Amino acid sequence: MAERFSIRACMAAHLPAAAFAVHVMRCVRAELIQFDSQAVVHVDREDGYVHLYGEAQGTIFSILLTNAEVDEWKAEGPYALDRYIWMELGKKEILPTRMTPYLRAVFSIES
């Protein structure tokens, strides 16, 4: 499968958990801001965890992951962490307003 040889797959395989999570969360943040110009989204990285939080589409959200949890998602596949974050946002009814190339990649790859 081509996804196994993608840049994202290499990143998932070789980046430390926190660095990979920050990259993924920045991708999510960019999409949220693209969908809602009023969105305020932050990514914080501390010793042992990463945190994505803010407000988008009129809803406050917070997703906190330990580095160990990120490692588990990395092992599932190059976009598994992205899918998890988008599913968590969906539970709060924060949904993409349209499919973008990034979102097509996130949701088309099986873990």
PDB file of N, CA and C in Angstrom:
ATOM      1  N   MET A   1       0.834  -1.174   0.000  1.00  0.00           N
ATOM      2  CA  MET A   1       0.000   0.000   0.000  1.00  0.00           C
ATOM      3  C   MET A   1       0.887   1.248   0.000  1.00  0.00           C
ATOM      4  N   ALA A   2       0.562   2.229  -0.790  1.00  0.00           N
ATOM      5  CA  ALA A   2       1.377   3.437  -0.919  1.00  0.00           C
ATOM      6  C   ALA A   2       1.487   4.202   0.391  1.00  0.00           C
ATOM      7  N   GLU A   3       0.452   4.141   1.247  1.00  0.00           N
ATOM      8  CA  GLU A   3       0.472   4.896   2.497  1.00  0.00           C
ATOM      9  C   GLU A   3       1.629   4.477   3.398  1.00  0.00           C
ATOM     10  N   ARG A   4       2.024   3.219   3.315  1.00  0.00           N
ATOM     11  CA  ARG A   4       3.121   2.741   4.162  1.00  0.00           C
ATOM     12  C   ARG A   4       4.429   3.426   3.813  1.00  0.00           C
ATOM     13  N   PHE A   5       4.509   3.980   2.610  1.00  0.00           N
ATOM     14  CA  PHE A   5       5.737   4.610   2.157  1.00  0.00           C
ATOM     15  C   PHE A   5       5.599   6.143   2.083  1.00  0.00           C
ATOM     16  N   SER A   6       4.547   6.664   2.660  1.00  0.00           N
ATOM     17  CA  SER A   6       4.324   8.101   2.615  1.00  0.00           C
ATOM     18  C   SER A   6       5.213   8.825   3.621  1.00  0.00           C
ATOM     19  N   ILE A   7       5.334  10.127   3.433  1.00  0.00           N
ATOM     20  CA  ILE A   7       6.087  10.939   4.389  1.00  0.00           C
ATOM     21  C   ILE A   7       5.456  10.816   5.764  1.00  0.00           C
ATOM     22  N   ARG A   8       4.124  10.816   5.832  1.00  0.00           N
ATOM     23  CA  ARG A   8       3.440  10.705   7.126  1.00  0.00           C
ATOM     24  C   ARG A   8       3.778   9.376   7.804  1.00  0.00           C
ATOM     25  N   ALA A   9       3.867   8.309   7.047  1.00  0.00           N
ATOM     26  CA  ALA A   9       4.221   7.015   7.632  1.00  0.00           C
ATOM     27  C   ALA A   9       5.635   7.054   8.195  1.00  0.00           C
ATOM     28  N   CYS A  10       6.549   7.703   7.479  1.00  0.00           N
ATOM     29  CA  CYS A  10       7.921   7.854   7.984  1.00  0.00           C
ATOM     30  C   CYS A  10       7.938   8.689   9.256  1.00  0.00           C
ATOM     31  N   MET A  11       7.141   9.749   9.282  1.00  0.00           N
ATOM     32  CA  MET A  11       7.062  10.582  10.480  1.00  0.00           C
ATOM     33  C   MET A  11       6.532   9.774  11.656  1.00  0.00           C
ATOM     34  N   ALA A  12       5.473   9.010  11.431  1.00  0.00           N
ATOM     35  CA  ALA A  12       4.882   8.204  12.504  1.00  0.00           C
ATOM     36  C   ALA A  12       5.874   7.178  13.027  1.00  0.00           C
ATOM     37  N   ALA A  13       6.672   6.643  12.133  1.00  0.00           N
ATOM     38  CA  ALA A  13       7.623   5.606  12.532  1.00  0.00           C
ATOM     39  C   ALA A  13       8.842   6.161  13.256  1.00  0.00           C
ATOM     40  N   HIS A  14       9.240   7.379  12.926  1.00  0.00           N
ATOM     41  CA  HIS A  14      10.530   7.860  13.410  1.00  0.00           C
ATOM     42  C   HIS A  14      10.509   9.054  14.349  1.00  0.00           C
ATOM     43  N   LEU A  15       9.448   9.827  14.351  1.00  0.00           N
ATOM     44  CA  LEU A  15       9.410  10.983  15.259  1.00  0.00           C
ATOM     45  C   LEU A  15       9.062  10.543  16.683  1.00  0.00           C
ATOM     46  N   PRO A  16       9.630  11.198  17.680  1.00  0.00           N
ATOM     47  CA  PRO A  16       9.200  10.940  19.053  1.00  0.00           C
ATOM     48  C   PRO A  16       7.712  11.283  19.194  1.00  0.00           C
ATOM     49  N   ALA A  17       7.051  10.661  20.139  1.00  0.00           N
ATOM     50  CA  ALA A  17       5.607  10.814  20.307  1.00  0.00           C
ATOM     51  C   ALA A  17       5.169  12.267  20.378  1.00  0.00           C
ATOM     52  N   ALA A  18       5.795  13.046  21.218  1.00  0.00           N
ATOM     53  CA  ALA A  18       5.361  14.436  21.399  1.00  0.00           C
ATOM     54  C   ALA A  18       5.508  15.243  20.119  1.00  0.00           C
ATOM     55  N   ALA A  19       6.608  15.079  19.413  1.00  0.00           N
ATOM     56  CA  ALA A  19       6.823  15.815  18.166  1.00  0.00           C
ATOM     57  C   ALA A  19       5.794  15.415  17.111  1.00  0.00           C
ATOM     58  N   PHE A  20       5.503  14.133  17.024  1.00  0.00           N
ATOM     59  CA  PHE A  20       4.499  13.668  16.067  1.00  0.00           C
ATOM     60  C   PHE A  20       3.127  14.214  16.433  1.00  0.00           C
ATOM     61  N   ALA A  21       2.771  14.159  17.699  1.00  0.00           N
ATOM     62  CA  ALA A  21       1.465  14.651  18.144  1.00  0.00           C
ATOM     63  C   ALA A  21       1.314  16.137  17.867  1.00  0.00           C
ATOM     64  N   VAL A  22       2.355  16.904  18.093  1.00  0.00           N
ATOM     65  CA  VAL A  22       2.297  18.338  17.812  1.00  0.00           C
ATOM     66  C   VAL A  22       2.062  18.561  16.317  1.00  0.00           C
ATOM     67  N   HIS A  23       2.747  17.812  15.478  1.00  0.00           N
ATOM     68  CA  HIS A  23       2.539  17.938  14.028  1.00  0.00           C
ATOM     69  C   HIS A  23       1.077  17.646  13.676  1.00  0.00           C
ATOM     70  N   VAL A  24       0.551  16.544  14.173  1.00  0.00           N
ATOM     71  CA  VAL A  24      -0.829  16.161  13.873  1.00  0.00           C
ATOM     72  C   VAL A  24      -1.794  17.227  14.381  1.00  0.00           C
ATOM     73  N   MET A  25      -1.585  17.686  15.608  1.00  0.00           N
ATOM     74  CA  MET A  25      -2.494  18.681  16.183  1.00  0.00           C
ATOM     75  C   MET A  25      -2.432  19.998  15.421  1.00  0.00           C
ATOM     76  N   ARG A  26      -1.279  20.345  14.894  1.00  0.00           N
ATOM     77  CA  ARG A  26      -1.173  21.558  14.071  1.00  0.00           C
ATOM     78  C   ARG A  26      -1.932  21.389  12.752  1.00  0.00           C
ATOM     79  N   CYS A  27      -1.923  20.186  12.207  1.00  0.00           N
ATOM     80  CA  CYS A  27      -2.716  19.912  11.000  1.00  0.00           C
ATOM     81  C   CYS A  27      -4.206  20.075  11.306  1.00  0.00           C
ATOM     82  N   VAL A  28      -4.641  19.519  12.426  1.00  0.00           N
ATOM     83  CA  VAL A  28      -6.046  19.638  12.837  1.00  0.00           C
ATOM     84  C   VAL A  28      -6.377  21.111  13.074  1.00  0.00           C
ATOM     85  N   ARG A  29      -5.509  21.817  13.773  1.00  0.00           N
ATOM     86  CA  ARG A  29      -5.732  23.236  14.052  1.00  0.00           C
ATOM     87  C   ARG A  29      -5.906  24.023  12.750  1.00  0.00           C
ATOM     88  N   ALA A  30      -5.052  23.774  11.771  1.00  0.00           N
ATOM     89  CA  ALA A  30      -5.139  24.485  10.490  1.00  0.00           C
ATOM     90  C   ALA A  30      -6.495  24.248   9.825  1.00  0.00           C
ATOM     91  N   GLU A  31      -6.978  23.022   9.875  1.00  0.00           N
ATOM     92  CA  GLU A  31      -8.280  22.710   9.280  1.00  0.00           C
ATOM     93  C   GLU A  31      -9.399  23.416  10.044  1.00  0.00           C
ATOM     94  N   LEU A  32      -9.353  23.371  11.359  1.00  0.00           N
ATOM     95  CA  LEU A  32     -10.401  24.014  12.150  1.00  0.00           C
ATOM     96  C   LEU A  32     -10.471  25.507  11.866  1.00  0.00           C
ATOM     97  N   ILE A  33      -9.329  26.141  11.749  1.00  0.00           N
ATOM     98  CA  ILE A  33      -9.293  27.577  11.472  1.00  0.00           C
ATOM     99  C   ILE A  33      -9.767  27.857  10.043  1.00  0.00           C
ATOM    100  N   GLN A  34      -9.454  26.954   9.123  1.00  0.00           N
ATOM    101  CA  GLN A  34      -9.924  27.111   7.747  1.00  0.00           C
ATOM    102  C   GLN A  34     -11.448  27.021   7.697  1.00  0.00           C
ATOM    103  N   PHE A  35     -12.042  26.135   8.492  1.00  0.00           N
ATOM    104  CA  PHE A  35     -13.489  25.939   8.503  1.00  0.00           C
ATOM    105  C   PHE A  35     -14.220  27.036   9.276  1.00  0.00           C
ATOM    106  N   ASP A  36     -13.534  27.639  10.258  1.00  0.00           N
ATOM    107  CA  ASP A  36     -14.164  28.635  11.128  1.00  0.00           C
ATOM    108  C   ASP A  36     -13.139  29.723  11.429  1.00  0.00           C
ATOM    109  N   SER A  37     -13.282  30.851  10.763  1.00  0.00           N
ATOM    110  CA  SER A  37     -12.297  31.922  10.935  1.00  0.00           C
ATOM    111  C   SER A  37     -12.291  32.489  12.349  1.00  0.00           C
ATOM    112  N   GLN A  38     -13.317  32.213  13.128  1.00  0.00           N
ATOM    113  CA  GLN A  38     -13.382  32.674  14.514  1.00  0.00           C
ATOM    114  C   GLN A  38     -12.772  31.660  15.487  1.00  0.00           C
ATOM    115  N   ALA A  39     -12.369  30.514  14.994  1.00  0.00           N
ATOM    116  CA  ALA A  39     -11.818  29.466  15.862  1.00  0.00           C
ATOM    117  C   ALA A  39     -10.536  29.939  16.541  1.00  0.00           C
ATOM    118  N   VAL A  40     -10.384  29.507  17.775  1.00  0.00           N
ATOM    119  CA  VAL A  40      -9.165  29.757  18.539  1.00  0.00           C
ATOM    120  C   VAL A  40      -8.698  28.381  19.013  1.00  0.00           C
ATOM    121  N   VAL A  41      -7.555  27.953  18.497  1.00  0.00           N
ATOM    122  CA  VAL A  41      -7.082  26.596  18.772  1.00  0.00           C
ATOM    123  C   VAL A  41      -5.628  26.661  19.213  1.00  0.00           C
ATOM    124  N   HIS A  42      -5.330  25.976  20.310  1.00  0.00           N
ATOM    125  CA  HIS A  42      -3.985  25.969  20.865  1.00  0.00           C
ATOM    126  C   HIS A  42      -3.439  24.551  20.921  1.00  0.00           C
ATOM    127  N   VAL A  43      -2.140  24.443  20.774  1.00  0.00           N
ATOM    128  CA  VAL A  43      -1.432  23.181  20.938  1.00  0.00           C
ATOM    129  C   VAL A  43      -0.332  23.422  21.962  1.00  0.00           C
ATOM    130  N   ASP A  44      -0.361  22.675  23.046  1.00  0.00           N
ATOM    131  CA  ASP A  44       0.669  22.772  24.080  1.00  0.00           C
ATOM    132  C   ASP A  44       1.373  21.441  24.219  1.00  0.00           C
ATOM    133  N   ARG A  45       2.646  21.522  24.475  1.00  0.00           N
ATOM    134  CA  ARG A  45       3.454  20.320  24.682  1.00  0.00           C
ATOM    135  C   ARG A  45       4.195  20.500  26.004  1.00  0.00           C
ATOM    136  N   GLU A  46       3.982  19.587  26.888  1.00  0.00           N
ATOM    137  CA  GLU A  46       4.672  19.590  28.178  1.00  0.00           C
ATOM    138  C   GLU A  46       5.356  18.240  28.349  1.00  0.00           C
ATOM    139  N   ASP A  47       6.060  18.095  29.429  1.00  0.00           N
ATOM    140  CA  ASP A  47       6.760  16.845  29.693  1.00  0.00           C
ATOM    141  C   ASP A  47       5.761  15.710  29.886  1.00  0.00           C
ATOM    142  N   GLY A  48       5.685  14.825  28.917  1.00  0.00           N
ATOM    143  CA  GLY A  48       4.855  13.638  29.036  1.00  0.00           C
ATOM    144  C   GLY A  48       3.480  13.715  28.411  1.00  0.00           C
ATOM    145  N   TYR A  49       3.057  14.890  27.919  1.00  0.00           N
ATOM    146  CA  TYR A  49       1.744  14.969  27.291  1.00  0.00           C
ATOM    147  C   TYR A  49       1.682  16.100  26.267  1.00  0.00           C
ATOM    148  N   VAL A  50       0.646  16.027  25.446  1.00  0.00           N
ATOM    149  CA  VAL A  50       0.340  17.081  24.479  1.00  0.00           C
ATOM    150  C   VAL A  50      -1.141  17.407  24.617  1.00  0.00           C
ATOM    151  N   HIS A  51      -1.482  18.650  24.331  1.00  0.00           N
ATOM    152  CA  HIS A  51      -2.838  19.124  24.585  1.00  0.00           C
ATOM    153  C   HIS A  51      -3.311  19.982  23.417  1.00  0.00           C
ATOM    154  N   LEU A  52      -4.443  19.622  22.855  1.00  0.00           N
ATOM    155  CA  LEU A  52      -5.122  20.409  21.833  1.00  0.00           C
ATOM    156  C   LEU A  52      -6.389  20.939  22.467  1.00  0.00           C
ATOM    157  N   TYR A  53      -6.565  22.262  22.445  1.00  0.00           N
ATOM    158  CA  TYR A  53      -7.747  22.819  23.097  1.00  0.00           C
ATOM    159  C   TYR A  53      -8.115  24.156  22.471  1.00  0.00           C
ATOM    160  N   GLY A  54      -9.324  24.572  22.726  1.00  0.00           N
ATOM    161  CA  GLY A  54      -9.777  25.850  22.216  1.00  0.00           C
ATOM    162  C   GLY A  54     -11.264  25.868  21.995  1.00  0.00           C
ATOM    163  N   GLU A  55     -11.659  26.678  21.017  1.00  0.00           N
ATOM    164  CA  GLU A  55     -13.061  26.801  20.655  1.00  0.00           C
ATOM    165  C   GLU A  55     -13.171  26.859  19.142  1.00  0.00           C
ATOM    166  N   ALA A  56     -14.066  26.051  18.603  1.00  0.00           N
ATOM    167  CA  ALA A  56     -14.327  26.025  17.172  1.00  0.00           C
ATOM    168  C   ALA A  56     -15.807  25.755  16.967  1.00  0.00           C
ATOM    169  N   GLN A  57     -16.365  26.382  15.981  1.00  0.00           N
ATOM    170  CA  GLN A  57     -17.782  26.225  15.657  1.00  0.00           C
ATOM    171  C   GLN A  57     -18.650  26.457  16.891  1.00  0.00           C
ATOM    172  N   GLY A  58     -18.224  27.396  17.729  1.00  0.00           N
ATOM    173  CA  GLY A  58     -18.985  27.770  18.913  1.00  0.00           C
ATOM    174  C   GLY A  58     -18.917  26.780  20.061  1.00  0.00           C
ATOM    175  N   THR A  59     -18.017  25.811  19.989  1.00  0.00           N
ATOM    176  CA  THR A  59     -17.912  24.771  21.019  1.00  0.00           C
ATOM    177  C   THR A  59     -16.504  24.723  21.585  1.00  0.00           C
ATOM    178  N   ILE A  60     -16.421  24.671  22.895  1.00  0.00           N
ATOM    179  CA  ILE A  60     -15.131  24.542  23.573  1.00  0.00           C
ATOM    180  C   ILE A  60     -14.744  23.066  23.585  1.00  0.00           C
ATOM    181  N   PHE A  61     -13.456  22.790  23.359  1.00  0.00           N
ATOM    182  CA  PHE A  61     -12.983  21.407  23.364  1.00  0.00           C
ATOM    183  C   PHE A  61     -11.605  21.323  24.011  1.00  0.00           C
ATOM    184  N   SER A  62     -11.269  20.120  24.427  1.00  0.00           N
ATOM    185  CA  SER A  62      -9.957  19.840  25.007  1.00  0.00           C
ATOM    186  C   SER A  62      -9.643  18.372  24.773  1.00  0.00           C
ATOM    187  N   ILE A  63      -8.499  18.117  24.170  1.00  0.00           N
ATOM    188  CA  ILE A  63      -8.037  16.743  23.951  1.00  0.00           C
ATOM    189  C   ILE A  63      -6.618  16.658  24.503  1.00  0.00           C
ATOM    190  N   LEU A  64      -6.458  15.881  25.542  1.00  0.00           N
ATOM    191  CA  LEU A  64      -5.181  15.723  26.230  1.00  0.00           C
ATOM    192  C   LEU A  64      -4.705  14.296  26.028  1.00  0.00           C
ATOM    193  N   LEU A  65      -3.491  14.131  25.544  1.00  0.00           N
ATOM    194  CA  LEU A  65      -2.937  12.803  25.290  1.00  0.00           C
ATOM    195  C   LEU A  65      -1.565  12.681  25.936  1.00  0.00           C
ATOM    196  N   THR A  66      -1.325  11.541  26.558  1.00  0.00           N
ATOM    197  CA  THR A  66       0.008  11.267  27.067  1.00  0.00           C
ATOM    198  C   THR A  66       0.885  10.792  25.906  1.00  0.00           C
ATOM    199  N   ASN A  67       2.178  10.863  26.084  1.00  0.00           N
ATOM    200  CA  ASN A  67       3.079  10.369  25.047  1.00  0.00           C
ATOM    201  C   ASN A  67       2.865   8.882  24.804  1.00  0.00           C
ATOM    202  N   ALA A  68       2.549   8.130  25.855  1.00  0.00           N
ATOM    203  CA  ALA A  68       2.287   6.697  25.691  1.00  0.00           C
ATOM    204  C   ALA A  68       1.059   6.460  24.817  1.00  0.00           C
ATOM    205  N   GLU A  69       0.014   7.268  24.996  1.00  0.00           N
ATOM    206  CA  GLU A  69      -1.180   7.137  24.156  1.00  0.00           C
ATOM    207  C   GLU A  69      -0.852   7.473  22.708  1.00  0.00           C
ATOM    208  N   VAL A  70      -0.048   8.506  22.509  1.00  0.00           N
ATOM    209  CA  VAL A  70       0.354   8.878  21.148  1.00  0.00           C
ATOM    210  C   VAL A  70       1.126   7.733  20.501  1.00  0.00           C
ATOM    211  N   ASP A  71       2.026   7.103  21.248  1.00  0.00           N
ATOM    212  CA  ASP A  71       2.770   5.961  20.698  1.00  0.00           C
ATOM    213  C   ASP A  71       1.827   4.843  20.267  1.00  0.00           C
ATOM    214  N   GLU A  72       0.767   4.611  21.033  1.00  0.00           N
ATOM    215  CA  GLU A  72      -0.207   3.583  20.658  1.00  0.00           C
ATOM    216  C   GLU A  72      -0.903   3.943  19.351  1.00  0.00           C
ATOM    217  N   TRP A  73      -1.293   5.213  19.199  1.00  0.00           N
ATOM    218  CA  TRP A  73      -1.938   5.639  17.961  1.00  0.00           C
ATOM    219  C   TRP A  73      -0.967   5.577  16.795  1.00  0.00           C
ATOM    220  N   LYS A  74       0.286   5.951  17.012  1.00  0.00           N
ATOM    221  CA  LYS A  74       1.293   5.865  15.948  1.00  0.00           C
ATOM    222  C   LYS A  74       1.409   4.436  15.439  1.00  0.00           C
ATOM    223  N   ALA A  75       1.345   3.482  16.337  1.00  0.00           N
ATOM    224  CA  ALA A  75       1.474   2.077  15.959  1.00  0.00           C
ATOM    225  C   ALA A  75       0.289   1.605  15.111  1.00  0.00           C
ATOM    226  N   GLU A  76      -0.836   2.288  15.217  1.00  0.00           N
ATOM    227  CA  GLU A  76      -2.037   1.919  14.452  1.00  0.00           C
ATOM    228  C   GLU A  76      -1.957   2.338  12.989  1.00  0.00           C
ATOM    229  N   GLY A  77      -1.139   3.327  12.691  1.00  0.00           N
ATOM    230  CA  GLY A  77      -1.015   3.785  11.310  1.00  0.00           C
ATOM    231  C   GLY A  77      -0.720   5.265  11.247  1.00  0.00           C
ATOM    232  N   PRO A  78      -0.307   5.753  10.078  1.00  0.00           N
ATOM    233  CA  PRO A  78       0.152   7.136   9.961  1.00  0.00           C
ATOM    234  C   PRO A  78      -0.919   8.191  10.211  1.00  0.00           C
ATOM    235  N   TYR A  79      -2.198   7.864  10.020  1.00  0.00           N
ATOM    236  CA  TYR A  79      -3.264   8.837  10.244  1.00  0.00           C
ATOM    237  C   TYR A  79      -4.215   8.424  11.374  1.00  0.00           C
ATOM    238  N   ALA A  80      -3.852   7.414  12.130  1.00  0.00           N
ATOM    239  CA  ALA A  80      -4.733   6.945  13.202  1.00  0.00           C
ATOM    240  C   ALA A  80      -4.948   8.018  14.267  1.00  0.00           C
ATOM    241  N   LEU A  81      -3.909   8.739  14.627  1.00  0.00           N
ATOM    242  CA  LEU A  81      -4.055   9.794  15.631  1.00  0.00           C
ATOM    243  C   LEU A  81      -4.960  10.904  15.107  1.00  0.00           C
ATOM    244  N   ASP A  82      -4.801  11.273  13.858  1.00  0.00           N
ATOM    245  CA  ASP A  82      -5.669  12.285  13.249  1.00  0.00           C
ATOM    246  C   ASP A  82      -7.128  11.840  13.336  1.00  0.00           C
ATOM    247  N   ARG A  83      -7.392  10.577  12.938  1.00  0.00           N
ATOM    248  CA  ARG A  83      -8.765  10.068  12.967  1.00  0.00           C
ATOM    249  C   ARG A  83      -9.320  10.115  14.381  1.00  0.00           C
ATOM    250  N   TYR A  84      -8.507   9.717  15.349  1.00  0.00           N
ATOM    251  CA  TYR A  84      -8.949   9.747  16.744  1.00  0.00           C
ATOM    252  C   TYR A  84      -9.343  11.176  17.148  1.00  0.00           C
ATOM    253  N   ILE A  85      -8.503  12.139  16.843  1.00  0.00           N
ATOM    254  CA  ILE A  85      -8.789  13.528  17.219  1.00  0.00           C
ATOM    255  C   ILE A  85     -10.062  14.012  16.537  1.00  0.00           C
ATOM    256  N   TRP A  86     -10.205  13.736  15.239  1.00  0.00           N
ATOM    257  CA  TRP A  86     -11.419  14.167  14.541  1.00  0.00           C
ATOM    258  C   TRP A  86     -12.660  13.475  15.088  1.00  0.00           C
ATOM    259  N   MET A  87     -12.534  12.223  15.502  1.00  0.00           N
ATOM    260  CA  MET A  87     -13.685  11.525  16.102  1.00  0.00           C
ATOM    261  C   MET A  87     -14.051  12.157  17.448  1.00  0.00           C
ATOM    262  N   GLU A  88     -13.048  12.522  18.226  1.00  0.00           N
ATOM    263  CA  GLU A  88     -13.310  13.193  19.511  1.00  0.00           C
ATOM    264  C   GLU A  88     -13.969  14.551  19.285  1.00  0.00           C
ATOM    265  N   LEU A  89     -13.499  15.281  18.286  1.00  0.00           N
ATOM    266  CA  LEU A  89     -14.131  16.561  17.965  1.00  0.00           C
ATOM    267  C   LEU A  89     -15.570  16.343  17.498  1.00  0.00           C
ATOM    268  N   GLY A  90     -15.783  15.294  16.722  1.00  0.00           N
ATOM    269  CA  GLY A  90     -17.125  14.969  16.248  1.00  0.00           C
ATOM    270  C   GLY A  90     -18.090  14.684  17.386  1.00  0.00           C
ATOM    271  N   LYS A  91     -17.600  14.095  18.461  1.00  0.00           N
ATOM    272  CA  LYS A  91     -18.453  13.836  19.630  1.00  0.00           C
ATOM    273  C   LYS A  91     -18.964  15.138  20.226  1.00  0.00           C
ATOM    274  N   LYS A  92     -18.230  16.218  20.008  1.00  0.00           N
ATOM    275  CA  LYS A  92     -18.644  17.541  20.484  1.00  0.00           C
ATOM    276  C   LYS A  92     -19.348  18.322  19.370  1.00  0.00           C
ATOM    277  N   GLU A  93     -19.633  17.620  18.270  1.00  0.00           N
ATOM    278  CA  GLU A  93     -20.296  18.201  17.108  1.00  0.00           C
ATOM    279  C   GLU A  93     -19.474  19.287  16.421  1.00  0.00           C
ATOM    280  N   ILE A  94     -18.160  19.153  16.508  1.00  0.00           N
ATOM    281  CA  ILE A  94     -17.244  19.982  15.736  1.00  0.00           C
ATOM    282  C   ILE A  94     -16.872  19.151  14.516  1.00  0.00           C
ATOM    283  N   LEU A  95     -17.435  19.525  13.383  1.00  0.00           N
ATOM    284  CA  LEU A  95     -17.321  18.707  12.184  1.00  0.00           C
ATOM    285  C   LEU A  95     -16.724  19.499  11.030  1.00  0.00           C
ATOM    286  N   PRO A  96     -16.000  18.815  10.157  1.00  0.00           N
ATOM    287  CA  PRO A  96     -15.494  19.492   8.962  1.00  0.00           C
ATOM    288  C   PRO A  96     -16.665  19.992   8.123  1.00  0.00           C
ATOM    289  N   THR A  97     -16.518  21.166   7.549  1.00  0.00           N
ATOM    290  CA  THR A  97     -17.580  21.701   6.702  1.00  0.00           C
ATOM    291  C   THR A  97     -17.454  21.213   5.262  1.00  0.00           C
ATOM    292  N   ARG A  98     -16.290  20.653   4.924  1.00  0.00           N
ATOM    293  CA  ARG A  98     -16.075  20.077   3.598  1.00  0.00           C
ATOM    294  C   ARG A  98     -14.849  19.160   3.678  1.00  0.00           C
ATOM    295  N   MET A  99     -14.766  18.264   2.716  1.00  0.00           N
ATOM    296  CA  MET A  99     -13.607  17.386   2.659  1.00  0.00           C
ATOM    297  C   MET A  99     -12.461  18.116   1.964  1.00  0.00           C
ATOM    298  N   THR A 100     -11.317  18.070   2.577  1.00  0.00           N
ATOM    299  CA  THR A 100     -10.103  18.661   2.012  1.00  0.00           C
ATOM    300  C   THR A 100      -9.167  17.513   1.643  1.00  0.00           C
ATOM    301  N   PRO A 101      -8.112  17.782   0.904  1.00  0.00           N
ATOM    302  CA  PRO A 101      -7.159  16.691   0.598  1.00  0.00           C
ATOM    303  C   PRO A 101      -6.622  16.029   1.874  1.00  0.00           C
ATOM    304  N   TYR A 102      -6.343  16.833   2.886  1.00  0.00           N
ATOM    305  CA  TYR A 102      -5.879  16.276   4.168  1.00  0.00           C
ATOM    306  C   TYR A 102      -6.925  15.340   4.762  1.00  0.00           C
ATOM    307  N   LEU A 103      -8.171  15.773   4.831  1.00  0.00           N
ATOM    308  CA  LEU A 103      -9.214  14.927   5.423  1.00  0.00           C
ATOM    309  C   LEU A 103      -9.474  13.679   4.595  1.00  0.00           C
ATOM    310  N   ARG A 104      -9.352  13.788   3.278  1.00  0.00           N
ATOM    311  CA  ARG A 104      -9.496  12.582   2.452  1.00  0.00           C
ATOM    312  C   ARG A 104      -8.405  11.574   2.810  1.00  0.00           C
ATOM    313  N   ALA A 105      -7.193  12.054   3.014  1.00  0.00           N
ATOM    314  CA  ALA A 105      -6.095  11.152   3.415  1.00  0.00           C
ATOM    315  C   ALA A 105      -6.367  10.548   4.783  1.00  0.00           C
ATOM    316  N   VAL A 106      -6.844  11.366   5.715  1.00  0.00           N
ATOM    317  CA  VAL A 106      -7.107  10.894   7.078  1.00  0.00           C
ATOM    318  C   VAL A 106      -8.133   9.776   7.074  1.00  0.00           C
ATOM    319  N   PHE A 107      -9.209   9.939   6.333  1.00  0.00           N
ATOM    320  CA  PHE A 107     -10.309   8.990   6.420  1.00  0.00           C
ATOM    321  C   PHE A 107     -10.302   7.900   5.358  1.00  0.00           C
ATOM    322  N   SER A 108      -9.343   7.926   4.436  1.00  0.00           N
ATOM    323  CA  SER A 108      -9.320   6.888   3.404  1.00  0.00           C
ATOM    324  C   SER A 108      -8.349   5.757   3.718  1.00  0.00           C
ATOM    325  N   ILE A 109      -7.478   5.956   4.705  1.00  0.00           N
ATOM    326  CA  ILE A 109      -6.488   4.944   5.024  1.00  0.00           C
ATOM    327  C   ILE A 109      -7.012   4.075   6.148  1.00  0.00           C
ATOM    328  N   GLU A 110      -6.998   2.787   5.936  1.00  0.00           N
ATOM    329  CA  GLU A 110      -7.410   1.869   6.989  1.00  0.00           C
ATOM    330  C   GLU A 110      -6.248   1.630   7.928  1.00  0.00           C
ATOM    331  N   SER A 111      -6.580   1.554   9.214  1.00  0.00           N
ATOM    332  CA  SER A 111      -5.534   1.267  10.224  1.00  0.00           C
ATOM    333  C   SER A 111      -5.272  -0.206  10.302  1.00  0.00           C
TER     334      SER A 111
END
